[in-house]
Amino acid sequence: MTTRTSRLGLALLLLPLLAGLGRAQTVHVNLPSTYDLYYVGDLDPRGDMTGLGNEISVDMTGIPSGEWSLSVELRFGDTVVAYGQLERINSPPSTLGPWTLNEIRNNQIGGYTGHGDFNEDFIDEVSGNTLPTGLYVVHAVLSSVPEGSTFTDQGSFFIQDPPRVGRQAPWDGALSFTDQPTFSWSGRARSYRLRVCEFDPELHGSPQEAMEGEVLWEETTPGTSLVYGSGLNAARPLRHGHQYAWLVEAVLSTTSGERAFPSAIRTFRVQSGGGGDTPDLANLLAGLTPGQLAGIGALLEGFHLNGTILVDGRAVSVEEFLSLLQRLAAGELNIASIRIE
């Protein structure tokens, strides 16, 4: 009896080890291409999925003889987004696939019984036409029939839907003291496209109309800032005293091709008179509304603030003034009036 117990214990210890050795060799998950954005239609249950179901696949090698079943799940967090089940897989042959999730769940693999679906409740909770940003996991399980040996594999990919372009500089209506201004913005896209056009109020009814006209400069970058004229594309010179419109687009790779999400259109004017003046606080703030002033604290970096700064008739230091701007941006204070001297 003591000997049997010892042998049984040894066998139980060996089973997980043997399964672990064969797991990566037996079933393997192939992940989809890297896209920024997937659409809800990519989970269409009728078999015309364009992004996910046709690109998620499983292949198997070294399958032991016998009958097997295969299940493949696409998960978002704890939620199963889509799944496919394939029954009565006979081995040999010991190498099978690759079979896509779409083929499995729509019973498109001859000789086997397949079925599957997508999670309608999950789709009902999705806002808009795109799948939520986050980590998606593909989990595959190959099990012998009757149950005994099990082989698994999984892989993950990240869907990032970053169409929003955040805070921009120069701000709308800004005065540029150089004909090579620096454009900056915030966002999470992997690529951005900047476009600059001349805005002549006598020719254009709006900045939007100006952006539909001749492009002075267009450049694509993976970063979130560009100096006018830098990059690979030639730029026409900006002229002093002229006004310009610009926007930046978040360029996304999607399952139906490239898409561009534009920011708001901003305008700026290049200063007249040679551009050699050093900007002071009065020039920087001239023409701004109280609402615009509340958001420029971060944009003052690099400027030399001189002269006397008065707040409610009291002289304040540069440090106090910057702190005041932070409180304005945070909504702790409101501006009653502005006077630039």
C-alpha atoms as a PDB file:
ATOM      1  CA  MET A   1       0.000   0.000   0.000  1.00  0.00           C
ATOM      2  CA  THR A   2       2.830   2.365   0.795  1.00  0.00           C
ATOM      3  CA  THR A   3       4.465   1.668  -2.565  1.00  0.00           C
ATOM      4  CA  ARG A   4       1.222   2.329  -4.521  1.00  0.00           C
ATOM      5  CA  THR A   5       0.707   5.645  -2.776  1.00  0.00           C
ATOM      6  CA  SER A   6       4.223   6.687  -3.670  1.00  0.00           C
ATOM      7  CA  ARG A   7       3.762   5.774  -7.352  1.00  0.00           C
ATOM      8  CA  LEU A   8       0.383   7.529  -7.548  1.00  0.00           C
ATOM      9  CA  GLY A   9       1.884  10.656  -6.045  1.00  0.00           C
ATOM     10  CA  LEU A  10       4.711  10.566  -8.574  1.00  0.00           C
ATOM     11  CA  ALA A  11       2.250  10.242 -11.468  1.00  0.00           C
ATOM     12  CA  LEU A  12       0.190  13.214 -10.274  1.00  0.00           C
ATOM     13  CA  LEU A  13       3.299  15.336 -10.092  1.00  0.00           C
ATOM     14  CA  LEU A  14       4.371  14.405 -13.606  1.00  0.00           C
ATOM     15  CA  LEU A  15       1.073  15.200 -15.388  1.00  0.00           C
ATOM     16  CA  PRO A  16       1.215  19.002 -15.059  1.00  0.00           C
ATOM     17  CA  LEU A  17       4.875  18.946 -16.041  1.00  0.00           C
ATOM     18  CA  LEU A  18       4.206  16.936 -19.206  1.00  0.00           C
ATOM     19  CA  ALA A  19       1.252  19.148 -20.172  1.00  0.00           C
ATOM     20  CA  GLY A  20       3.375  22.242 -19.673  1.00  0.00           C
ATOM     21  CA  LEU A  21       6.136  20.893 -21.892  1.00  0.00           C
ATOM     22  CA  GLY A  22       3.776  20.242 -24.773  1.00  0.00           C
ATOM     23  CA  ARG A  23       1.517  23.270 -24.438  1.00  0.00           C
ATOM     24  CA  ALA A  24       3.435  25.789 -26.538  1.00  0.00           C
ATOM     25  CA  GLN A  25       4.252  23.195 -29.219  1.00  0.00           C
ATOM     26  CA  THR A  26       0.721  21.846 -29.618  1.00  0.00           C
ATOM     27  CA  VAL A  27      -1.595  24.870 -29.918  1.00  0.00           C
ATOM     28  CA  HIS A  28      -0.544  28.381 -30.903  1.00  0.00           C
ATOM     29  CA  VAL A  29      -2.552  31.633 -31.070  1.00  0.00           C
ATOM     30  CA  ASN A  30      -1.861  34.035 -33.958  1.00  0.00           C
ATOM     31  CA  LEU A  31      -2.804  37.637 -33.183  1.00  0.00           C
ATOM     32  CA  PRO A  32      -4.372  40.214 -35.533  1.00  0.00           C
ATOM     33  CA  SER A  33      -2.559  43.071 -37.194  1.00  0.00           C
ATOM     34  CA  THR A  34      -1.821  46.159 -35.141  1.00  0.00           C
ATOM     35  CA  TYR A  35      -4.595  48.710 -35.587  1.00  0.00           C
ATOM     36  CA  ASP A  36      -5.419  51.796 -33.554  1.00  0.00           C
ATOM     37  CA  LEU A  37      -9.131  51.401 -34.048  1.00  0.00           C
ATOM     38  CA  TYR A  38     -11.516  48.489 -34.565  1.00  0.00           C
ATOM     39  CA  TYR A  39     -15.173  48.852 -35.438  1.00  0.00           C
ATOM     40  CA  VAL A  40     -18.155  47.082 -33.923  1.00  0.00           C
ATOM     41  CA  GLY A  41     -18.749  45.653 -37.400  1.00  0.00           C
ATOM     42  CA  ASP A  42     -15.521  43.688 -37.042  1.00  0.00           C
ATOM     43  CA  LEU A  43     -17.480  41.359 -34.726  1.00  0.00           C
ATOM     44  CA  ASP A  44     -20.324  40.773 -37.184  1.00  0.00           C
ATOM     45  CA  PRO A  45     -21.783  37.299 -36.567  1.00  0.00           C
ATOM     46  CA  ARG A  46     -22.667  36.671 -40.220  1.00  0.00           C
ATOM     47  CA  GLY A  47     -19.091  35.928 -41.229  1.00  0.00           C
ATOM     48  CA  ASP A  48     -18.063  39.172 -42.893  1.00  0.00           C
ATOM     49  CA  MET A  49     -15.774  40.336 -40.078  1.00  0.00           C
ATOM     50  CA  THR A  50     -13.039  42.509 -41.540  1.00  0.00           C
ATOM     51  CA  GLY A  51     -10.546  42.942 -38.724  1.00  0.00           C
ATOM     52  CA  LEU A  52     -10.670  40.586 -35.784  1.00  0.00           C
ATOM     53  CA  GLY A  53     -12.370  37.326 -36.734  1.00  0.00           C
ATOM     54  CA  ASN A  54     -10.450  36.852 -39.972  1.00  0.00           C
ATOM     55  CA  GLU A  55      -7.083  37.645 -38.390  1.00  0.00           C
ATOM     56  CA  ILE A  56      -7.239  35.800 -35.063  1.00  0.00           C
ATOM     57  CA  SER A  57      -6.244  32.212 -35.822  1.00  0.00           C
ATOM     58  CA  VAL A  58      -4.990  29.037 -34.148  1.00  0.00           C
ATOM     59  CA  ASP A  59      -2.632  26.387 -35.513  1.00  0.00           C
ATOM     60  CA  MET A  60      -1.729  23.045 -33.932  1.00  0.00           C
ATOM     61  CA  THR A  61       1.329  20.814 -34.233  1.00  0.00           C
ATOM     62  CA  GLY A  62       2.308  17.536 -32.589  1.00  0.00           C
ATOM     63  CA  ILE A  63      -1.266  16.584 -31.645  1.00  0.00           C
ATOM     64  CA  PRO A  64      -1.380  13.141 -30.001  1.00  0.00           C
ATOM     65  CA  SER A  65      -3.649  10.554 -31.644  1.00  0.00           C
ATOM     66  CA  GLY A  66      -7.286  10.683 -30.633  1.00  0.00           C
ATOM     67  CA  GLU A  67     -10.333  12.925 -30.745  1.00  0.00           C
ATOM     68  CA  TRP A  68     -10.072  16.587 -29.695  1.00  0.00           C
ATOM     69  CA  SER A  69     -12.129  19.749 -29.281  1.00  0.00           C
ATOM     70  CA  LEU A  70     -10.882  23.311 -29.707  1.00  0.00           C
ATOM     71  CA  SER A  71     -12.269  26.479 -28.140  1.00  0.00           C
ATOM     72  CA  VAL A  72     -11.099  30.027 -28.928  1.00  0.00           C
ATOM     73  CA  GLU A  73     -12.224  33.074 -26.953  1.00  0.00           C
ATOM     74  CA  LEU A  74     -11.662  36.795 -27.434  1.00  0.00           C
ATOM     75  CA  ARG A  75     -11.863  38.548 -24.056  1.00  0.00           C
ATOM     76  CA  PHE A  76     -11.984  42.164 -22.958  1.00  0.00           C
ATOM     77  CA  GLY A  77     -11.243  42.156 -19.243  1.00  0.00           C
ATOM     78  CA  ASP A  78     -13.504  39.501 -17.715  1.00  0.00           C
ATOM     79  CA  THR A  79     -15.957  39.655 -20.624  1.00  0.00           C
ATOM     80  CA  VAL A  80     -15.986  37.141 -23.484  1.00  0.00           C
ATOM     81  CA  VAL A  81     -16.453  39.322 -26.558  1.00  0.00           C
ATOM     82  CA  ALA A  82     -16.537  36.511 -29.154  1.00  0.00           C
ATOM     83  CA  TYR A  83     -15.903  32.774 -29.147  1.00  0.00           C
ATOM     84  CA  GLY A  84     -15.698  29.749 -31.416  1.00  0.00           C
ATOM     85  CA  GLN A  85     -15.912  26.008 -30.644  1.00  0.00           C
ATOM     86  CA  LEU A  86     -14.759  23.168 -32.939  1.00  0.00           C
ATOM     87  CA  GLU A  87     -15.699  19.550 -32.174  1.00  0.00           C
ATOM     88  CA  ARG A  88     -14.559  16.103 -33.322  1.00  0.00           C
ATOM     89  CA  ILE A  89     -11.040  16.969 -34.398  1.00  0.00           C
ATOM     90  CA  ASN A  90      -9.357  13.648 -35.220  1.00  0.00           C
ATOM     91  CA  SER A  91      -5.618  13.142 -35.087  1.00  0.00           C
ATOM     92  CA  PRO A  92      -3.633  12.111 -37.107  1.00  0.00           C
ATOM     93  CA  PRO A  93      -2.818  14.326 -38.916  1.00  0.00           C
ATOM     94  CA  SER A  94      -0.784  15.842 -36.107  1.00  0.00           C
ATOM     95  CA  THR A  95      -0.569  19.281 -37.762  1.00  0.00           C
ATOM     96  CA  LEU A  96      -3.721  21.315 -38.375  1.00  0.00           C
ATOM     97  CA  GLY A  97      -4.632  24.910 -39.162  1.00  0.00           C
ATOM     98  CA  PRO A  98      -4.271  27.771 -39.114  1.00  0.00           C
ATOM     99  CA  TRP A  99      -8.004  28.162 -38.568  1.00  0.00           C
ATOM    100  CA  THR A 100      -9.452  31.620 -38.000  1.00  0.00           C
ATOM    101  CA  LEU A 101     -11.944  32.436 -35.278  1.00  0.00           C
ATOM    102  CA  ASN A 102     -14.338  33.421 -38.042  1.00  0.00           C
ATOM    103  CA  GLU A 103     -14.052  30.019 -39.763  1.00  0.00           C
ATOM    104  CA  ILE A 104     -14.488  28.137 -36.499  1.00  0.00           C
ATOM    105  CA  ARG A 105     -17.576  29.901 -35.244  1.00  0.00           C
ATOM    106  CA  ASN A 106     -19.278  29.920 -38.657  1.00  0.00           C
ATOM    107  CA  ASN A 107     -18.665  26.192 -39.249  1.00  0.00           C
ATOM    108  CA  GLN A 108     -16.531  26.796 -42.341  1.00  0.00           C
ATOM    109  CA  ILE A 109     -13.971  24.030 -41.702  1.00  0.00           C
ATOM    110  CA  GLY A 110     -14.939  20.861 -43.561  1.00  0.00           C
ATOM    111  CA  GLY A 111     -15.266  17.606 -41.638  1.00  0.00           C
ATOM    112  CA  TYR A 112     -15.667  19.211 -38.233  1.00  0.00           C
ATOM    113  CA  THR A 113     -18.561  20.721 -36.299  1.00  0.00           C
ATOM    114  CA  GLY A 114     -18.053  24.393 -35.499  1.00  0.00           C
ATOM    115  CA  HIS A 115     -20.173  27.030 -33.820  1.00  0.00           C
ATOM    116  CA  GLY A 116     -19.788  30.340 -31.980  1.00  0.00           C
ATOM    117  CA  ASP A 117     -21.132  33.824 -31.542  1.00  0.00           C
ATOM    118  CA  PHE A 118     -20.348  37.283 -30.258  1.00  0.00           C
ATOM    119  CA  ASN A 119     -21.523  38.913 -27.057  1.00  0.00           C
ATOM    120  CA  GLU A 120     -24.566  41.032 -27.918  1.00  0.00           C
ATOM    121  CA  ASP A 121     -24.730  42.517 -24.403  1.00  0.00           C
ATOM    122  CA  PHE A 122     -21.143  43.737 -24.774  1.00  0.00           C
ATOM    123  CA  ILE A 123     -21.943  45.404 -28.106  1.00  0.00           C
ATOM    124  CA  ASP A 124     -25.078  47.017 -26.637  1.00  0.00           C
ATOM    125  CA  GLU A 125     -22.899  48.696 -24.003  1.00  0.00           C
ATOM    126  CA  VAL A 126     -20.391  50.060 -26.522  1.00  0.00           C
ATOM    127  CA  SER A 127     -20.763  53.782 -27.168  1.00  0.00           C
ATOM    128  CA  GLY A 128     -20.415  54.636 -30.840  1.00  0.00           C
ATOM    129  CA  ASN A 129     -19.181  52.457 -33.671  1.00  0.00           C
ATOM    130  CA  THR A 130     -15.733  51.556 -32.319  1.00  0.00           C
ATOM    131  CA  LEU A 131     -14.581  48.927 -29.859  1.00  0.00           C
ATOM    132  CA  PRO A 132     -13.412  50.228 -26.466  1.00  0.00           C
ATOM    133  CA  THR A 133      -9.800  51.131 -25.819  1.00  0.00           C
ATOM    134  CA  GLY A 134      -7.975  48.532 -23.753  1.00  0.00           C
ATOM    135  CA  LEU A 135      -6.291  45.123 -23.604  1.00  0.00           C
ATOM    136  CA  TYR A 136      -7.850  42.195 -25.489  1.00  0.00           C
ATOM    137  CA  VAL A 137      -6.807  38.591 -24.842  1.00  0.00           C
ATOM    138  CA  VAL A 138      -7.179  35.594 -27.183  1.00  0.00           C
ATOM    139  CA  HIS A 139      -7.345  32.287 -25.280  1.00  0.00           C
ATOM    140  CA  ALA A 140      -7.249  28.872 -27.011  1.00  0.00           C
ATOM    141  CA  VAL A 141      -7.825  25.469 -25.377  1.00  0.00           C
ATOM    142  CA  LEU A 142      -7.327  22.111 -27.092  1.00  0.00           C
ATOM    143  CA  SER A 143      -8.871  19.266 -25.056  1.00  0.00           C
ATOM    144  CA  SER A 144      -8.948  15.509 -25.661  1.00  0.00           C
ATOM    145  CA  VAL A 145     -12.309  13.674 -25.828  1.00  0.00           C
ATOM    146  CA  PRO A 146     -13.133  12.205 -23.361  1.00  0.00           C
ATOM    147  CA  GLU A 147     -11.477  14.813 -21.146  1.00  0.00           C
ATOM    148  CA  GLY A 148      -7.918  14.080 -20.180  1.00  0.00           C
ATOM    149  CA  SER A 149      -5.108  16.042 -21.840  1.00  0.00           C
ATOM    150  CA  THR A 150      -5.398  19.806 -22.273  1.00  0.00           C
ATOM    151  CA  PHE A 151      -3.151  22.213 -24.148  1.00  0.00           C
ATOM    152  CA  THR A 152      -3.548  25.991 -23.988  1.00  0.00           C
ATOM    153  CA  ASP A 153      -2.065  29.152 -25.426  1.00  0.00           C
ATOM    154  CA  GLN A 154      -3.003  32.826 -25.305  1.00  0.00           C
ATOM    155  CA  GLY A 155      -1.881  36.161 -26.664  1.00  0.00           C
ATOM    156  CA  SER A 156      -2.936  39.759 -26.153  1.00  0.00           C
ATOM    157  CA  PHE A 157      -3.124  42.977 -28.152  1.00  0.00           C
ATOM    158  CA  PHE A 158      -4.084  46.548 -27.303  1.00  0.00           C
ATOM    159  CA  ILE A 159      -6.762  48.578 -29.058  1.00  0.00           C
ATOM    160  CA  GLN A 160      -6.040  52.285 -28.747  1.00  0.00           C
ATOM    161  CA  ASP A 161      -8.663  54.713 -29.963  1.00  0.00           C
ATOM    162  CA  PRO A 162      -7.024  58.141 -29.547  1.00  0.00           C
ATOM    163  CA  PRO A 163      -8.842  60.474 -31.951  1.00  0.00           C
ATOM    164  CA  ARG A 164      -8.830  63.488 -29.643  1.00  0.00           C
ATOM    165  CA  VAL A 165      -6.210  66.198 -30.140  1.00  0.00           C
ATOM    166  CA  GLY A 166      -5.737  68.158 -26.922  1.00  0.00           C
ATOM    167  CA  ARG A 167      -4.390  71.575 -25.988  1.00  0.00           C
ATOM    168  CA  GLN A 168      -2.753  73.410 -28.867  1.00  0.00           C
ATOM    169  CA  ALA A 169      -0.273  76.258 -29.290  1.00  0.00           C
ATOM    170  CA  PRO A 170      -0.216  78.839 -30.749  1.00  0.00           C
ATOM    171  CA  TRP A 171      -3.656  79.419 -29.233  1.00  0.00           C
ATOM    172  CA  ASP A 172      -6.440  80.852 -31.360  1.00  0.00           C
ATOM    173  CA  GLY A 173      -5.731  84.440 -32.397  1.00  0.00           C
ATOM    174  CA  ALA A 174      -2.146  84.407 -31.102  1.00  0.00           C
ATOM    175  CA  LEU A 175       0.539  86.821 -32.265  1.00  0.00           C
ATOM    176  CA  SER A 176       3.697  85.060 -33.451  1.00  0.00           C
ATOM    177  CA  PHE A 177       7.006  86.878 -33.052  1.00  0.00           C
ATOM    178  CA  THR A 178       8.749  84.599 -35.545  1.00  0.00           C
ATOM    179  CA  ASP A 179       8.052  83.370 -39.067  1.00  0.00           C
ATOM    180  CA  GLN A 180       8.980  79.885 -37.889  1.00  0.00           C
ATOM    181  CA  PRO A 181       6.554  79.317 -34.998  1.00  0.00           C
ATOM    182  CA  THR A 182       6.479  76.084 -33.018  1.00  0.00           C
ATOM    183  CA  PHE A 183       3.197  74.174 -33.156  1.00  0.00           C
ATOM    184  CA  SER A 184       2.416  71.871 -30.241  1.00  0.00           C
ATOM    185  CA  TRP A 185      -0.519  69.757 -29.096  1.00  0.00           C
ATOM    186  CA  SER A 186      -1.319  66.813 -26.861  1.00  0.00           C
ATOM    187  CA  GLY A 187      -2.698  63.378 -27.679  1.00  0.00           C
ATOM    188  CA  ARG A 188      -2.023  59.626 -27.763  1.00  0.00           C
ATOM    189  CA  ALA A 189      -2.059  58.838 -31.496  1.00  0.00           C
ATOM    190  CA  ARG A 190       0.986  57.252 -33.106  1.00  0.00           C
ATOM    191  CA  SER A 191       0.957  59.751 -35.976  1.00  0.00           C
ATOM    192  CA  TYR A 192      -0.188  63.341 -36.549  1.00  0.00           C
ATOM    193  CA  ARG A 193      -0.559  65.481 -39.676  1.00  0.00           C
ATOM    194  CA  LEU A 194      -0.157  69.268 -39.392  1.00  0.00           C
ATOM    195  CA  ARG A 195      -1.538  71.605 -42.061  1.00  0.00           C
ATOM    196  CA  VAL A 196      -1.089  75.404 -42.370  1.00  0.00           C
ATOM    197  CA  CYS A 197      -2.938  77.715 -44.792  1.00  0.00           C
ATOM    198  CA  GLU A 198      -3.113  81.485 -45.221  1.00  0.00           C
ATOM    199  CA  PHE A 199      -6.271  83.118 -43.853  1.00  0.00           C
ATOM    200  CA  ASP A 200      -7.196  86.315 -45.659  1.00  0.00           C
ATOM    201  CA  PRO A 201     -10.512  87.719 -44.288  1.00  0.00           C
ATOM    202  CA  GLU A 202     -11.045  89.555 -47.589  1.00  0.00           C
ATOM    203  CA  LEU A 203     -10.942  86.270 -49.507  1.00  0.00           C
ATOM    204  CA  HIS A 204     -12.123  83.730 -46.950  1.00  0.00           C
ATOM    205  CA  GLY A 205     -15.401  83.862 -45.090  1.00  0.00           C
ATOM    206  CA  SER A 206     -13.966  81.821 -42.192  1.00  0.00           C
ATOM    207  CA  PRO A 207     -10.845  79.941 -41.071  1.00  0.00           C
ATOM    208  CA  GLN A 208     -12.638  76.751 -42.164  1.00  0.00           C
ATOM    209  CA  GLU A 209     -12.854  78.102 -45.708  1.00  0.00           C
ATOM    210  CA  ALA A 210      -9.174  79.066 -45.584  1.00  0.00           C
ATOM    211  CA  MET A 211      -8.227  75.480 -44.651  1.00  0.00           C
ATOM    212  CA  GLU A 212      -9.912  74.286 -47.858  1.00  0.00           C
ATOM    213  CA  GLY A 213      -7.605  76.480 -49.944  1.00  0.00           C
ATOM    214  CA  GLU A 214      -3.949  76.261 -50.879  1.00  0.00           C
ATOM    215  CA  VAL A 215      -1.778  74.492 -48.310  1.00  0.00           C
ATOM    216  CA  LEU A 216       1.389  76.378 -47.387  1.00  0.00           C
ATOM    217  CA  TRP A 217       2.852  73.482 -45.440  1.00  0.00           C
ATOM    218  CA  GLU A 218       1.811  69.965 -44.479  1.00  0.00           C
ATOM    219  CA  GLU A 219       3.873  67.519 -42.460  1.00  0.00           C
ATOM    220  CA  THR A 220       3.325  64.197 -40.713  1.00  0.00           C
ATOM    221  CA  THR A 221       5.091  63.376 -37.462  1.00  0.00           C
ATOM    222  CA  PRO A 222       4.963  60.768 -34.688  1.00  0.00           C
ATOM    223  CA  GLY A 223       5.529  63.525 -32.118  1.00  0.00           C
ATOM    224  CA  THR A 224       3.368  66.288 -30.670  1.00  0.00           C
ATOM    225  CA  SER A 225       5.260  69.366 -31.864  1.00  0.00           C
ATOM    226  CA  LEU A 226       6.762  70.776 -35.063  1.00  0.00           C
ATOM    227  CA  VAL A 227       8.665  73.931 -35.986  1.00  0.00           C
ATOM    228  CA  TYR A 228       7.276  75.528 -39.131  1.00  0.00           C
ATOM    229  CA  GLY A 229       9.226  74.348 -42.150  1.00  0.00           C
ATOM    230  CA  SER A 230      10.934  71.436 -40.417  1.00  0.00           C
ATOM    231  CA  GLY A 231      10.514  67.889 -41.639  1.00  0.00           C
ATOM    232  CA  LEU A 232      10.566  66.379 -45.119  1.00  0.00           C
ATOM    233  CA  ASN A 233       8.114  68.636 -46.960  1.00  0.00           C
ATOM    234  CA  ALA A 234       8.949  72.116 -48.247  1.00  0.00           C
ATOM    235  CA  ALA A 235       7.090  75.056 -46.711  1.00  0.00           C
ATOM    236  CA  ARG A 236       6.252  78.408 -48.253  1.00  0.00           C
ATOM    237  CA  PRO A 237       7.535  81.349 -46.146  1.00  0.00           C
ATOM    238  CA  LEU A 238       5.173  83.011 -43.676  1.00  0.00           C
ATOM    239  CA  ARG A 239       4.908  86.753 -44.198  1.00  0.00           C
ATOM    240  CA  HIS A 240       4.909  89.408 -41.511  1.00  0.00           C
ATOM    241  CA  GLY A 241       1.531  91.034 -40.978  1.00  0.00           C
ATOM    242  CA  HIS A 242      -0.371  88.105 -42.510  1.00  0.00           C
ATOM    243  CA  GLN A 243      -2.812  85.815 -40.758  1.00  0.00           C
ATOM    244  CA  TYR A 244      -2.800  82.011 -40.949  1.00  0.00           C
ATOM    245  CA  ALA A 245      -5.022  79.076 -40.043  1.00  0.00           C
ATOM    246  CA  TRP A 246      -3.831  75.658 -38.942  1.00  0.00           C
ATOM    247  CA  LEU A 247      -5.037  72.340 -37.641  1.00  0.00           C
ATOM    248  CA  VAL A 248      -3.541  69.006 -36.658  1.00  0.00           C
ATOM    249  CA  GLU A 249      -5.078  65.591 -37.349  1.00  0.00           C
ATOM    250  CA  ALA A 250      -4.688  62.389 -35.354  1.00  0.00           C
ATOM    251  CA  VAL A 251      -3.983  59.781 -38.047  1.00  0.00           C
ATOM    252  CA  LEU A 252      -5.204  56.311 -37.082  1.00  0.00           C
ATOM    253  CA  SER A 253      -4.766  52.891 -38.658  1.00  0.00           C
ATOM    254  CA  THR A 254      -8.155  51.157 -38.745  1.00  0.00           C
ATOM    255  CA  THR A 255      -9.549  47.903 -40.096  1.00  0.00           C
ATOM    256  CA  SER A 256     -11.080  49.814 -43.012  1.00  0.00           C
ATOM    257  CA  GLY A 257      -8.027  51.947 -43.818  1.00  0.00           C
ATOM    258  CA  GLU A 258      -6.451  55.144 -42.546  1.00  0.00           C
ATOM    259  CA  ARG A 259      -8.656  57.709 -40.818  1.00  0.00           C
ATOM    260  CA  ALA A 260      -7.830  61.250 -39.738  1.00  0.00           C
ATOM    261  CA  PHE A 261      -9.506  62.996 -36.808  1.00  0.00           C
ATOM    262  CA  PRO A 262      -8.996  66.793 -37.064  1.00  0.00           C
ATOM    263  CA  SER A 263      -8.568  69.211 -34.197  1.00  0.00           C
ATOM    264  CA  ALA A 264     -10.278  72.562 -33.982  1.00  0.00           C
ATOM    265  CA  ILE A 265      -8.940  75.140 -36.435  1.00  0.00           C
ATOM    266  CA  ARG A 266      -6.765  77.832 -34.870  1.00  0.00           C
ATOM    267  CA  THR A 267      -5.477  81.121 -36.311  1.00  0.00           C
ATOM    268  CA  PHE A 268      -2.372  83.209 -35.655  1.00  0.00           C
ATOM    269  CA  ARG A 269      -0.764  86.336 -37.068  1.00  0.00           C
ATOM    270  CA  VAL A 270       2.922  86.887 -37.761  1.00  0.00           C
ATOM    271  CA  GLN A 271       4.080  90.196 -36.223  1.00  0.00           C
ATOM    272  CA  SER A 272       4.783  93.074 -38.595  1.00  0.00           C
ATOM    273  CA  GLY A 273       8.092  94.913 -38.654  1.00  0.00           C
ATOM    274  CA  GLY A 274      10.818  92.328 -39.163  1.00  0.00           C
ATOM    275  CA  GLY A 275      10.117  89.982 -36.288  1.00  0.00           C
ATOM    276  CA  GLY A 276      13.117  91.091 -34.245  1.00  0.00           C
ATOM    277  CA  ASP A 277      11.245  92.314 -31.192  1.00  0.00           C
ATOM    278  CA  THR A 278      11.427  90.486 -27.878  1.00  0.00           C
ATOM    279  CA  PRO A 279       7.924  89.599 -26.666  1.00  0.00           C
ATOM    280  CA  ASP A 280       6.963  91.109 -23.346  1.00  0.00           C
ATOM    281  CA  LEU A 281       3.960  90.343 -21.160  1.00  0.00           C
ATOM    282  CA  ALA A 282       1.819  93.128 -22.634  1.00  0.00           C
ATOM    283  CA  ASN A 283       2.284  91.855 -26.197  1.00  0.00           C
ATOM    284  CA  LEU A 284       1.722  88.286 -25.097  1.00  0.00           C
ATOM    285  CA  LEU A 285      -1.582  89.004 -23.364  1.00  0.00           C
ATOM    286  CA  ALA A 286      -2.917  91.671 -25.728  1.00  0.00           C
ATOM    287  CA  GLY A 287      -6.373  90.837 -27.050  1.00  0.00           C
ATOM    288  CA  LEU A 288      -6.988  87.830 -24.836  1.00  0.00           C
ATOM    289  CA  THR A 289     -10.331  87.354 -23.154  1.00  0.00           C
ATOM    290  CA  PRO A 290     -10.467  86.386 -19.455  1.00  0.00           C
ATOM    291  CA  GLY A 291     -11.314  82.839 -20.457  1.00  0.00           C
ATOM    292  CA  GLN A 292      -8.261  82.594 -22.709  1.00  0.00           C
ATOM    293  CA  LEU A 293      -5.992  84.077 -20.061  1.00  0.00           C
ATOM    294  CA  ALA A 294      -6.954  81.329 -17.609  1.00  0.00           C
ATOM    295  CA  GLY A 295      -5.362  78.656 -19.809  1.00  0.00           C
ATOM    296  CA  ILE A 296      -2.008  80.178 -20.780  1.00  0.00           C
ATOM    297  CA  GLY A 297       0.044  79.549 -17.657  1.00  0.00           C
ATOM    298  CA  ALA A 298       1.849  76.593 -19.227  1.00  0.00           C
ATOM    299  CA  LEU A 299       2.541  78.609 -22.385  1.00  0.00           C
ATOM    300  CA  LEU A 300       4.508  81.344 -20.561  1.00  0.00           C
ATOM    301  CA  GLU A 301       7.520  79.092 -20.128  1.00  0.00           C
ATOM    302  CA  GLY A 302      10.494  80.580 -21.976  1.00  0.00           C
ATOM    303  CA  PHE A 303       9.194  84.164 -21.987  1.00  0.00           C
ATOM    304  CA  HIS A 304      10.937  86.933 -20.067  1.00  0.00           C
ATOM    305  CA  LEU A 305       8.371  88.685 -17.865  1.00  0.00           C
ATOM    306  CA  ASN A 306       9.453  92.230 -17.041  1.00  0.00           C
ATOM    307  CA  GLY A 307       7.950  95.442 -15.784  1.00  0.00           C
ATOM    308  CA  THR A 308       5.435  95.800 -12.993  1.00  0.00           C
ATOM    309  CA  ILE A 309       2.586  93.305 -12.741  1.00  0.00           C
ATOM    310  CA  LEU A 310      -0.412  94.603 -10.821  1.00  0.00           C
ATOM    311  CA  VAL A 311      -3.211  92.422  -9.486  1.00  0.00           C
ATOM    312  CA  ASP A 312      -6.066  94.331  -7.845  1.00  0.00           C
ATOM    313  CA  GLY A 313      -3.751  97.351  -7.726  1.00  0.00           C
ATOM    314  CA  ARG A 314      -1.016  95.459  -5.870  1.00  0.00           C
ATOM    315  CA  ALA A 315       2.397  94.706  -7.381  1.00  0.00           C
ATOM    316  CA  VAL A 316       3.110  90.966  -7.492  1.00  0.00           C
ATOM    317  CA  SER A 317       6.187  88.966  -8.350  1.00  0.00           C
ATOM    318  CA  VAL A 318       6.497  86.740 -11.406  1.00  0.00           C
ATOM    319  CA  GLU A 319       6.107  83.687  -9.153  1.00  0.00           C
ATOM    320  CA  GLU A 320       2.901  85.075  -7.633  1.00  0.00           C
ATOM    321  CA  PHE A 321       1.547  85.870 -11.094  1.00  0.00           C
ATOM    322  CA  LEU A 322       2.212  82.337 -12.392  1.00  0.00           C
ATOM    323  CA  SER A 323       0.576  80.915  -9.272  1.00  0.00           C
ATOM    324  CA  LEU A 324      -2.423  83.150  -9.950  1.00  0.00           C
ATOM    325  CA  LEU A 325      -2.701  81.765 -13.492  1.00  0.00           C
ATOM    326  CA  GLN A 326      -2.680  78.220 -12.120  1.00  0.00           C
ATOM    327  CA  ARG A 327      -5.557  79.090  -9.779  1.00  0.00           C
ATOM    328  CA  LEU A 328      -7.441  80.653 -12.690  1.00  0.00           C
ATOM    329  CA  ALA A 329      -6.959  77.523 -14.791  1.00  0.00           C
ATOM    330  CA  ALA A 330      -8.183  75.404 -11.871  1.00  0.00           C
ATOM    331  CA  GLY A 331     -11.343  77.484 -11.585  1.00  0.00           C
ATOM    332  CA  GLU A 332     -10.538  78.812  -8.124  1.00  0.00           C
ATOM    333  CA  LEU A 333     -10.688  82.452  -9.298  1.00  0.00           C
ATOM    334  CA  ASN A 334     -12.504  84.502 -11.915  1.00  0.00           C
ATOM    335  CA  ILE A 335     -11.268  87.622 -13.758  1.00  0.00           C
ATOM    336  CA  ALA A 336     -13.418  90.722 -13.567  1.00  0.00           C
ATOM    337  CA  SER A 337     -11.366  92.774 -16.054  1.00  0.00           C
ATOM    338  CA  ILE A 338      -7.969  92.963 -17.775  1.00  0.00           C
ATOM    339  CA  ARG A 339      -5.968  96.077 -18.555  1.00  0.00           C
ATOM    340  CA  ILE A 340      -2.692  95.920 -20.498  1.00  0.00           C
ATOM    341  CA  GLU A 341      -0.339  98.916 -20.230  1.00  0.00           C
END
